PDB file of N, CA and C in Angstrom:
ATOM      1  N   MET A   1     -83.568   2.144  36.036  1.00  0.00           N
ATOM      2  CA  MET A   1     -82.374   2.588  35.337  1.00  0.00           C
ATOM      3  C   MET A   1     -82.339   4.119  35.384  1.00  0.00           C
ATOM      4  N   ASN A   2     -81.178   4.661  35.326  1.00  0.00           N
ATOM      5  CA  ASN A   2     -80.995   6.100  35.377  1.00  0.00           C
ATOM      6  C   ASN A   2     -81.531   6.737  34.095  1.00  0.00           C
ATOM      7  N   SER A   3     -82.424   7.706  34.256  1.00  0.00           N
ATOM      8  CA  SER A   3     -83.064   8.337  33.100  1.00  0.00           C
ATOM      9  C   SER A   3     -82.060   9.125  32.249  1.00  0.00           C
ATOM     10  N   ALA A   4     -81.112   9.784  32.887  1.00  0.00           N
ATOM     11  CA  ALA A   4     -80.117  10.557  32.138  1.00  0.00           C
ATOM     12  C   ALA A   4     -79.233   9.631  31.304  1.00  0.00           C
ATOM     13  N   PHE A   5     -78.868   8.487  31.878  1.00  0.00           N
ATOM     14  CA  PHE A   5     -78.044   7.528  31.141  1.00  0.00           C
ATOM     15  C   PHE A   5     -78.831   6.953  29.961  1.00  0.00           C
ATOM     16  N   GLU A   6     -80.099   6.677  30.187  1.00  0.00           N
ATOM     17  CA  GLU A   6     -80.951   6.164  29.105  1.00  0.00           C
ATOM     18  C   GLU A   6     -81.040   7.161  27.953  1.00  0.00           C
ATOM     19  N   ARG A   7     -81.201   8.429  28.274  1.00  0.00           N
ATOM     20  CA  ARG A   7     -81.243   9.469  27.235  1.00  0.00           C
ATOM     21  C   ARG A   7     -79.921   9.567  26.492  1.00  0.00           C
ATOM     22  N   ARG A   8     -78.824   9.418  27.192  1.00  0.00           N
ATOM     23  CA  ARG A   8     -77.507   9.489  26.542  1.00  0.00           C
ATOM     24  C   ARG A   8     -77.305   8.321  25.581  1.00  0.00           C
ATOM     25  N   VAL A   9     -77.727   7.141  26.002  1.00  0.00           N
ATOM     26  CA  VAL A   9     -77.602   5.981  25.118  1.00  0.00           C
ATOM     27  C   VAL A   9     -78.488   6.157  23.896  1.00  0.00           C
ATOM     28  N   HIS A  10     -79.709   6.660  24.105  1.00  0.00           N
ATOM     29  CA  HIS A  10     -80.616   6.900  22.983  1.00  0.00           C
ATOM     30  C   HIS A  10     -80.044   7.964  22.039  1.00  0.00           C
ATOM     31  N   THR A  11     -79.495   9.021  22.601  1.00  0.00           N
ATOM     32  CA  THR A  11     -78.882  10.069  21.789  1.00  0.00           C
ATOM     33  C   THR A  11     -77.683   9.531  21.004  1.00  0.00           C
ATOM     34  N   ALA A  12     -76.898   8.671  21.631  1.00  0.00           N
ATOM     35  CA  ALA A  12     -75.764   8.067  20.931  1.00  0.00           C
ATOM     36  C   ALA A  12     -76.248   7.184  19.782  1.00  0.00           C
ATOM     37  N   ALA A  13     -77.359   6.467  19.989  1.00  0.00           N
ATOM     38  CA  ALA A  13     -77.909   5.625  18.922  1.00  0.00           C
ATOM     39  C   ALA A  13     -78.398   6.475  17.760  1.00  0.00           C
ATOM     40  N   VAL A  14     -79.087   7.557  18.054  1.00  0.00           N
ATOM     41  CA  VAL A  14     -79.580   8.444  16.988  1.00  0.00           C
ATOM     42  C   VAL A  14     -78.415   9.074  16.237  1.00  0.00           C
ATOM     43  N   ALA A  15     -77.418   9.542  16.966  1.00  0.00           N
ATOM     44  CA  ALA A  15     -76.234  10.123  16.315  1.00  0.00           C
ATOM     45  C   ALA A  15     -75.508   9.073  15.483  1.00  0.00           C
ATOM     46  N   GLY A  16     -75.488   7.844  15.968  1.00  0.00           N
ATOM     47  CA  GLY A  16     -74.857   6.772  15.211  1.00  0.00           C
ATOM     48  C   GLY A  16     -75.572   6.493  13.904  1.00  0.00           C
ATOM     49  N   TRP A  17     -76.921   6.519  13.930  1.00  0.00           N
ATOM     50  CA  TRP A  17     -77.673   6.299  12.692  1.00  0.00           C
ATOM     51  C   TRP A  17     -77.429   7.414  11.688  1.00  0.00           C
ATOM     52  N   TRP A  18     -77.363   8.667  12.155  1.00  0.00           N
ATOM     53  CA  TRP A  18     -77.080   9.777  11.234  1.00  0.00           C
ATOM     54  C   TRP A  18     -75.670   9.655  10.655  1.00  0.00           C
ATOM     55  N   THR A  19     -74.727   9.285  11.512  1.00  0.00           N
ATOM     56  CA  THR A  19     -73.354   9.113  11.044  1.00  0.00           C
ATOM     57  C   THR A  19     -73.270   7.973  10.039  1.00  0.00           C
ATOM     58  N   LEU A  20     -73.979   6.897  10.312  1.00  0.00           N
ATOM     59  CA  LEU A  20     -73.989   5.758   9.394  1.00  0.00           C
ATOM     60  C   LEU A  20     -74.583   6.153   8.046  1.00  0.00           C
ATOM     61  N   LEU A  21     -75.628   6.956   8.059  1.00  0.00           N
ATOM     62  CA  LEU A  21     -76.223   7.433   6.802  1.00  0.00           C
ATOM     63  C   LEU A  21     -75.212   8.261   6.006  1.00  0.00           C
ATOM     64  N   ILE A  22     -74.515   9.157   6.669  1.00  0.00           N
ATOM     65  CA  ILE A  22     -73.522   9.996   5.993  1.00  0.00           C
ATOM     66  C   ILE A  22     -72.374   9.149   5.453  1.00  0.00           C
ATOM     67  N   VAL A  23     -71.942   8.162   6.226  1.00  0.00           N
ATOM     68  CA  VAL A  23     -70.845   7.298   5.788  1.00  0.00           C
ATOM     69  C   VAL A  23     -71.254   6.474   4.567  1.00  0.00           C
ATOM     70  N   VAL A  24     -72.487   5.991   4.536  1.00  0.00           N
ATOM     71  CA  VAL A  24     -72.954   5.224   3.377  1.00  0.00           C
ATOM     72  C   VAL A  24     -73.016   6.120   2.141  1.00  0.00           C
ATOM     73  N   ILE A  25     -73.433   7.361   2.297  1.00  0.00           N
ATOM     74  CA  ILE A  25     -73.451   8.292   1.165  1.00  0.00           C
ATOM     75  C   ILE A  25     -72.025   8.528   0.660  1.00  0.00           C
ATOM     76  N   VAL A  26     -71.073   8.698   1.574  1.00  0.00           N
ATOM     77  CA  VAL A  26     -69.670   8.873   1.176  1.00  0.00           C
ATOM     78  C   VAL A  26     -69.159   7.623   0.471  1.00  0.00           C
ATOM     79  N   LEU A  27     -69.578   6.453   0.935  1.00  0.00           N
ATOM     80  CA  LEU A  27     -69.181   5.206   0.291  1.00  0.00           C
ATOM     81  C   LEU A  27     -69.718   5.129  -1.134  1.00  0.00           C
ATOM     82  N   TRP A  28     -70.949   5.546  -1.344  1.00  0.00           N
ATOM     83  CA  TRP A  28     -71.511   5.574  -2.705  1.00  0.00           C
ATOM     84  C   TRP A  28     -70.743   6.542  -3.602  1.00  0.00           C
ATOM     85  N   ILE A  29     -70.388   7.705  -3.067  1.00  0.00           N
ATOM     86  CA  ILE A  29     -69.614   8.671  -3.845  1.00  0.00           C
ATOM     87  C   ILE A  29     -68.239   8.086  -4.185  1.00  0.00           C
ATOM     88  N   GLN A  30     -67.625   7.425  -3.227  1.00  0.00           N
ATOM     89  CA  GLN A  30     -66.323   6.798  -3.467  1.00  0.00           C
ATOM     90  C   GLN A  30     -66.430   5.720  -4.541  1.00  0.00           C
ATOM     91  N   TRP A  31     -67.490   4.923  -4.501  1.00  0.00           N
ATOM     92  CA  TRP A  31     -67.679   3.872  -5.494  1.00  0.00           C
ATOM     93  C   TRP A  31     -67.912   4.478  -6.884  1.00  0.00           C
ATOM     94  N   GLY A  32     -68.699   5.546  -6.962  1.00  0.00           N
ATOM     95  CA  GLY A  32     -68.920   6.224  -8.232  1.00  0.00           C
ATOM     96  C   GLY A  32     -67.641   6.807  -8.795  1.00  0.00           C
ATOM     97  N   PHE A  33     -66.815   7.382  -7.914  1.00  0.00           N
ATOM     98  CA  PHE A  33     -65.521   7.909  -8.353  1.00  0.00           C
ATOM     99  C   PHE A  33     -64.632   6.788  -8.867  1.00  0.00           C
ATOM    100  N   TYR A  34     -64.646   5.643  -8.180  1.00  0.00           N
ATOM    101  CA  TYR A  34     -63.859   4.490  -8.622  1.00  0.00           C
ATOM    102  C   TYR A  34     -64.300   4.041 -10.016  1.00  0.00           C
ATOM    103  N   LEU A  35     -65.602   3.924 -10.227  1.00  0.00           N
ATOM    104  CA  LEU A  35     -66.104   3.499 -11.533  1.00  0.00           C
ATOM    105  C   LEU A  35     -65.720   4.502 -12.623  1.00  0.00           C
ATOM    106  N   TRP A  36     -65.812   5.792 -12.306  1.00  0.00           N
ATOM    107  CA  TRP A  36     -65.456   6.814 -13.289  1.00  0.00           C
ATOM    108  C   TRP A  36     -63.966   6.758 -13.622  1.00  0.00           C
ATOM    109  N   VAL A  37     -63.128   6.643 -12.591  1.00  0.00           N
ATOM    110  CA  VAL A  37     -61.677   6.631 -12.813  1.00  0.00           C
ATOM    111  C   VAL A  37     -61.263   5.394 -13.603  1.00  0.00           C
ATOM    112  N   MET A  38     -61.830   4.253 -13.280  1.00  0.00           N
ATOM    113  CA  MET A  38     -61.433   3.032 -13.984  1.00  0.00           C
ATOM    114  C   MET A  38     -61.976   2.996 -15.417  1.00  0.00           C
ATOM    115  N   ASN A  39     -63.030   3.723 -15.680  1.00  0.00           N
ATOM    116  CA  ASN A  39     -63.561   3.788 -17.037  1.00  0.00           C
ATOM    117  C   ASN A  39     -62.825   4.842 -17.867  1.00  0.00           C
ATOM    118  N   ALA A  40     -62.621   6.023 -17.313  1.00  0.00           N
ATOM    119  CA  ALA A  40     -62.000   7.124 -18.064  1.00  0.00           C
ATOM    120  C   ALA A  40     -60.474   7.036 -18.073  1.00  0.00           C
ATOM    121  N   ARG A  41     -59.882   6.554 -17.009  1.00  0.00           N
ATOM    122  CA  ARG A  41     -58.428   6.459 -16.851  1.00  0.00           C
ATOM    123  C   ARG A  41     -57.698   7.760 -17.214  1.00  0.00           C
ATOM    124  N   PRO A  42     -58.036   8.837 -16.504  1.00  0.00           N
ATOM    125  CA  PRO A  42     -57.360  10.110 -16.811  1.00  0.00           C
ATOM    126  C   PRO A  42     -55.887  10.076 -16.384  1.00  0.00           C
ATOM    127  N   ASP A  43     -55.065  10.786 -17.125  1.00  0.00           N
ATOM    128  CA  ASP A  43     -53.623  10.797 -16.867  1.00  0.00           C
ATOM    129  C   ASP A  43     -53.271  11.466 -15.542  1.00  0.00           C
ATOM    130  N   TRP A  44     -54.073  12.434 -15.125  1.00  0.00           N
ATOM    131  CA  TRP A  44     -53.756  13.161 -13.902  1.00  0.00           C
ATOM    132  C   TRP A  44     -53.855  12.279 -12.662  1.00  0.00           C
ATOM    133  N   VAL A  45     -54.624  11.179 -12.738  1.00  0.00           N
ATOM    134  CA  VAL A  45     -54.726  10.291 -11.583  1.00  0.00           C
ATOM    135  C   VAL A  45     -53.404   9.580 -11.348  1.00  0.00           C
ATOM    136  N   LEU A  46     -52.814   9.043 -12.410  1.00  0.00           N
ATOM    137  CA  LEU A  46     -51.517   8.383 -12.261  1.00  0.00           C
ATOM    138  C   LEU A  46     -50.430   9.373 -11.863  1.00  0.00           C
ATOM    139  N   ALA A  47     -50.511  10.593 -12.396  1.00  0.00           N
ATOM    140  CA  ALA A  47     -49.533  11.613 -12.024  1.00  0.00           C
ATOM    141  C   ALA A  47     -49.671  11.992 -10.552  1.00  0.00           C
ATOM    142  N   MET A  48     -50.908  11.981 -10.041  1.00  0.00           N
ATOM    143  CA  MET A  48     -51.143  12.329  -8.649  1.00  0.00           C
ATOM    144  C   MET A  48     -50.643  11.232  -7.704  1.00  0.00           C
ATOM    145  N   VAL A  49     -50.764   9.985  -8.125  1.00  0.00           N
ATOM    146  CA  VAL A  49     -50.343   8.870  -7.274  1.00  0.00           C
ATOM    147  C   VAL A  49     -48.827   8.763  -7.220  1.00  0.00           C
ATOM    148  N   GLY A  50     -48.161   8.904  -8.339  1.00  0.00           N
ATOM    149  CA  GLY A  50     -46.704   8.861  -8.341  1.00  0.00           C
ATOM    150  C   GLY A  50     -46.150   8.048  -9.491  1.00  0.00           C
ATOM    151  N   LYS A  51     -44.834   8.083  -9.608  1.00  0.00           N
ATOM    152  CA  LYS A  51     -44.167   7.369 -10.701  1.00  0.00           C
ATOM    153  C   LYS A  51     -44.194   5.868 -10.450  1.00  0.00           C
ATOM    154  N   GLY A  52     -44.224   5.118 -11.537  1.00  0.00           N
ATOM    155  CA  GLY A  52     -44.138   3.678 -11.452  1.00  0.00           C
ATOM    156  C   GLY A  52     -45.430   2.979 -11.059  1.00  0.00           C
ATOM    157  N   VAL A  53     -46.537   3.692 -11.018  1.00  0.00           N
ATOM    158  CA  VAL A  53     -47.819   3.085 -10.651  1.00  0.00           C
ATOM    159  C   VAL A  53     -48.586   2.772 -11.923  1.00  0.00           C
ATOM    160  N   SER A  54     -49.082   1.554 -12.001  1.00  0.00           N
ATOM    161  CA  SER A  54     -49.836   1.142 -13.182  1.00  0.00           C
ATOM    162  C   SER A  54     -51.331   1.106 -12.844  1.00  0.00           C
ATOM    163  N   TRP A  55     -52.138   1.026 -13.882  1.00  0.00           N
ATOM    164  CA  TRP A  55     -53.583   0.977 -13.679  1.00  0.00           C
ATOM    165  C   TRP A  55     -54.038  -0.280 -12.949  1.00  0.00           C
ATOM    166  N   PRO A  56     -53.487  -1.460 -13.237  1.00  0.00           N
ATOM    167  CA  PRO A  56     -53.904  -2.639 -12.455  1.00  0.00           C
ATOM    168  C   PRO A  56     -53.582  -2.515 -10.958  1.00  0.00           C
ATOM    169  N   PHE A  57     -52.407  -1.948 -10.640  1.00  0.00           N
ATOM    170  CA  PHE A  57     -52.066  -1.743  -9.234  1.00  0.00           C
ATOM    171  C   PHE A  57     -53.010  -0.743  -8.584  1.00  0.00           C
ATOM    172  N   LEU A  58     -53.307   0.332  -9.287  1.00  0.00           N
ATOM    173  CA  LEU A  58     -54.211   1.343  -8.752  1.00  0.00           C
ATOM    174  C   LEU A  58     -55.617   0.770  -8.556  1.00  0.00           C
ATOM    175  N   GLN A  59     -56.041  -0.091  -9.467  1.00  0.00           N
ATOM    176  CA  GLN A  59     -57.348  -0.715  -9.336  1.00  0.00           C
ATOM    177  C   GLN A  59     -57.394  -1.598  -8.085  1.00  0.00           C
ATOM    178  N   LYS A  60     -56.368  -2.397  -7.868  1.00  0.00           N
ATOM    179  CA  LYS A  60     -56.317  -3.246  -6.677  1.00  0.00           C
ATOM    180  C   LYS A  60     -56.293  -2.404  -5.403  1.00  0.00           C
ATOM    181  N   LEU A  61     -55.535  -1.310  -5.449  1.00  0.00           N
ATOM    182  CA  LEU A  61     -55.436  -0.439  -4.283  1.00  0.00           C
ATOM    183  C   LEU A  61     -56.783   0.205  -3.956  1.00  0.00           C
ATOM    184  N   MET A  62     -57.479   0.667  -4.980  1.00  0.00           N
ATOM    185  CA  MET A  62     -58.777   1.304  -4.742  1.00  0.00           C
ATOM    186  C   MET A  62     -59.819   0.298  -4.256  1.00  0.00           C
ATOM    187  N   VAL A  63     -59.810  -0.903  -4.797  1.00  0.00           N
ATOM    188  CA  VAL A  63     -60.741  -1.931  -4.330  1.00  0.00           C
ATOM    189  C   VAL A  63     -60.432  -2.299  -2.881  1.00  0.00           C
ATOM    190  N   LEU A  64     -59.157  -2.385  -2.543  1.00  0.00           N
ATOM    191  CA  LEU A  64     -58.771  -2.674  -1.173  1.00  0.00           C
ATOM    192  C   LEU A  64     -59.230  -1.563  -0.227  1.00  0.00           C
ATOM    193  N   ALA A  65     -59.079  -0.312  -0.633  1.00  0.00           N
ATOM    194  CA  ALA A  65     -59.504   0.814   0.196  1.00  0.00           C
ATOM    195  C   ALA A  65     -61.019   0.803   0.389  1.00  0.00           C
ATOM    196  N   ILE A  66     -61.768   0.538  -0.670  1.00  0.00           N
ATOM    197  CA  ILE A  66     -63.225   0.486  -0.562  1.00  0.00           C
ATOM    198  C   ILE A  66     -63.652  -0.670   0.339  1.00  0.00           C
ATOM    199  N   THR A  67     -62.983  -1.803   0.219  1.00  0.00           N
ATOM    200  CA  THR A  67     -63.307  -2.955   1.055  1.00  0.00           C
ATOM    201  C   THR A  67     -63.021  -2.671   2.528  1.00  0.00           C
ATOM    202  N   ALA A  68     -61.901  -2.048   2.815  1.00  0.00           N
ATOM    203  CA  ALA A  68     -61.577  -1.690   4.198  1.00  0.00           C
ATOM    204  C   ALA A  68     -62.598  -0.707   4.753  1.00  0.00           C
ATOM    205  N   PHE A  69     -63.005   0.247   3.938  1.00  0.00           N
ATOM    206  CA  PHE A  69     -64.003   1.223   4.358  1.00  0.00           C
ATOM    207  C   PHE A  69     -65.342   0.533   4.634  1.00  0.00           C
ATOM    208  N   LYS A  70     -65.707  -0.436   3.786  1.00  0.00           N
ATOM    209  CA  LYS A  70     -66.959  -1.173   4.006  1.00  0.00           C
ATOM    210  C   LYS A  70     -66.902  -1.985   5.293  1.00  0.00           C
ATOM    211  N   MET A  71     -65.764  -2.565   5.602  1.00  0.00           N
ATOM    212  CA  MET A  71     -65.637  -3.319   6.849  1.00  0.00           C
ATOM    213  C   MET A  71     -65.830  -2.404   8.063  1.00  0.00           C
ATOM    214  N   CYS A  72     -65.278  -1.209   7.988  1.00  0.00           N
ATOM    215  CA  CYS A  72     -65.490  -0.248   9.073  1.00  0.00           C
ATOM    216  C   CYS A  72     -66.958   0.134   9.192  1.00  0.00           C
ATOM    217  N   VAL A  73     -67.633   0.256   8.051  1.00  0.00           N
ATOM    218  CA  VAL A  73     -69.058   0.584   8.068  1.00  0.00           C
ATOM    219  C   VAL A  73     -69.850  -0.552   8.712  1.00  0.00           C
ATOM    220  N   TRP A  74     -69.491  -1.795   8.414  1.00  0.00           N
ATOM    221  CA  TRP A  74     -70.199  -2.927   9.023  1.00  0.00           C
ATOM    222  C   TRP A  74     -70.003  -2.953  10.530  1.00  0.00           C
ATOM    223  N   VAL A  75     -68.798  -2.717  10.998  1.00  0.00           N
ATOM    224  CA  VAL A  75     -68.546  -2.673  12.442  1.00  0.00           C
ATOM    225  C   VAL A  75     -69.360  -1.552  13.071  1.00  0.00           C
ATOM    226  N   MET A  76     -69.374  -0.413  12.420  1.00  0.00           N
ATOM    227  CA  MET A  76     -70.146   0.721  12.928  1.00  0.00           C
ATOM    228  C   MET A  76     -71.636   0.404  12.949  1.00  0.00           C
ATOM    229  N   ALA A  77     -72.138  -0.273  11.927  1.00  0.00           N
ATOM    230  CA  ALA A  77     -73.556  -0.636  11.878  1.00  0.00           C
ATOM    231  C   ALA A  77     -73.926  -1.581  13.018  1.00  0.00           C
ATOM    232  N   VAL A  78     -73.060  -2.535  13.309  1.00  0.00           N
ATOM    233  CA  VAL A  78     -73.325  -3.458  14.413  1.00  0.00           C
ATOM    234  C   VAL A  78     -73.372  -2.704  15.742  1.00  0.00           C
ATOM    235  N   ILE A  79     -72.465  -1.776  15.931  1.00  0.00           N
ATOM    236  CA  ILE A  79     -72.448  -0.985  17.170  1.00  0.00           C
ATOM    237  C   ILE A  79     -73.710  -0.135  17.282  1.00  0.00           C
ATOM    238  N   VAL A  80     -74.131   0.471  16.192  1.00  0.00           N
ATOM    239  CA  VAL A  80     -75.326   1.323  16.226  1.00  0.00           C
ATOM    240  C   VAL A  80     -76.576   0.475  16.493  1.00  0.00           C
ATOM    241  N   ILE A  81     -76.659  -0.688  15.879  1.00  0.00           N
ATOM    242  CA  ILE A  81     -77.799  -1.572  16.144  1.00  0.00           C
ATOM    243  C   ILE A  81     -77.809  -1.992  17.610  1.00  0.00           C
ATOM    244  N   TRP A  82     -76.646  -2.314  18.143  1.00  0.00           N
ATOM    245  CA  TRP A  82     -76.558  -2.699  19.551  1.00  0.00           C
ATOM    246  C   TRP A  82     -76.988  -1.548  20.462  1.00  0.00           C
ATOM    247  N   LEU A  83     -76.535  -0.333  20.165  1.00  0.00           N
ATOM    248  CA  LEU A  83     -76.952   0.826  20.967  1.00  0.00           C
ATOM    249  C   LEU A  83     -78.453   1.040  20.898  1.00  0.00           C
ATOM    250  N   THR A  84     -79.038   0.863  19.721  1.00  0.00           N
ATOM    251  CA  THR A  84     -80.474   1.043  19.567  1.00  0.00           C
ATOM    252  C   THR A  84     -81.245   0.007  20.383  1.00  0.00           C
ATOM    253  N   LEU A  85     -80.837  -1.236  20.279  1.00  0.00           N
ATOM    254  CA  LEU A  85     -81.511  -2.289  21.038  1.00  0.00           C
ATOM    255  C   LEU A  85     -81.333  -2.100  22.544  1.00  0.00           C
ATOM    256  N   TRP A  86     -80.158  -1.686  22.943  1.00  0.00           N
ATOM    257  CA  TRP A  86     -79.896  -1.439  24.364  1.00  0.00           C
ATOM    258  C   TRP A  86     -80.763  -0.287  24.870  1.00  0.00           C
ATOM    259  N   SER A  87     -80.893   0.761  24.087  1.00  0.00           N
ATOM    260  CA  SER A  87     -81.726   1.901  24.464  1.00  0.00           C
ATOM    261  C   SER A  87     -83.183   1.485  24.621  1.00  0.00           C
ATOM    262  N   ARG A  88     -83.688   0.689  23.687  1.00  0.00           N
ATOM    263  CA  ARG A  88     -85.075   0.219  23.789  1.00  0.00           C
ATOM    264  C   ARG A  88     -85.277  -0.670  25.014  1.00  0.00           C
ATOM    265  N   GLN A  89     -84.296  -1.524  25.292  1.00  0.00           N
ATOM    266  CA  GLN A  89     -84.409  -2.404  26.453  1.00  0.00           C
ATOM    267  C   GLN A  89     -84.416  -1.593  27.744  1.00  0.00           C
ATOM    268  N   MET A  90     -83.567  -0.574  27.829  1.00  0.00           N
ATOM    269  CA  MET A  90     -83.560   0.267  29.030  1.00  0.00           C
ATOM    270  C   MET A  90     -84.868   1.019  29.184  1.00  0.00           C
ATOM    271  N   ARG A  91     -85.453   1.436  28.071  1.00  0.00           N
ATOM    272  CA  ARG A  91     -86.723   2.147  28.129  1.00  0.00           C
ATOM    273  C   ARG A  91     -87.831   1.216  28.629  1.00  0.00           C
ATOM    274  N   ARG A  92     -87.819  -0.046  28.195  1.00  0.00           N
ATOM    275  CA  ARG A  92     -88.830  -1.005  28.646  1.00  0.00           C
ATOM    276  C   ARG A  92     -88.671  -1.319  30.132  1.00  0.00           C
ATOM    277  N   ILE A  93     -87.440  -1.492  30.573  1.00  0.00           N
ATOM    278  CA  ILE A  93     -87.197  -1.831  31.980  1.00  0.00           C
ATOM    279  C   ILE A  93     -87.502  -0.638  32.877  1.00  0.00           C
ATOM    280  N   GLY A  94     -87.096   0.542  32.443  1.00  0.00           N
ATOM    281  CA  GLY A  94     -87.276   1.738  33.271  1.00  0.00           C
ATOM    282  C   GLY A  94     -88.712   2.222  33.335  1.00  0.00           C
ATOM    283  N   GLY A  95     -89.497   1.842  32.347  1.00  0.00           N
ATOM    284  CA  GLY A  95     -90.906   2.265  32.360  1.00  0.00           C
ATOM    285  C   GLY A  95     -90.999   3.582  31.822  1.00  0.00           C
TER     286      GLY A  95
END
């Protein structure tokens, strides 16, 4: 196997793991913000979203956004795992 290609795949896997770590940290921050907003219910949040928005609607919207973000993280995790396994396999075959 081409050594330069193997290094690129390995580098992509390492970059993917770092990106995944950062995304998970952002997800935790987003979840903490959600818990704080739903507990405190500050008036400025509803004012920022717009007129006619209620707390139950905002709660559903935020849960939907967090769920969509988690699905993207899962897809990204599968891709990073695949890149890692592919890199290891190329290293074994290439010697």
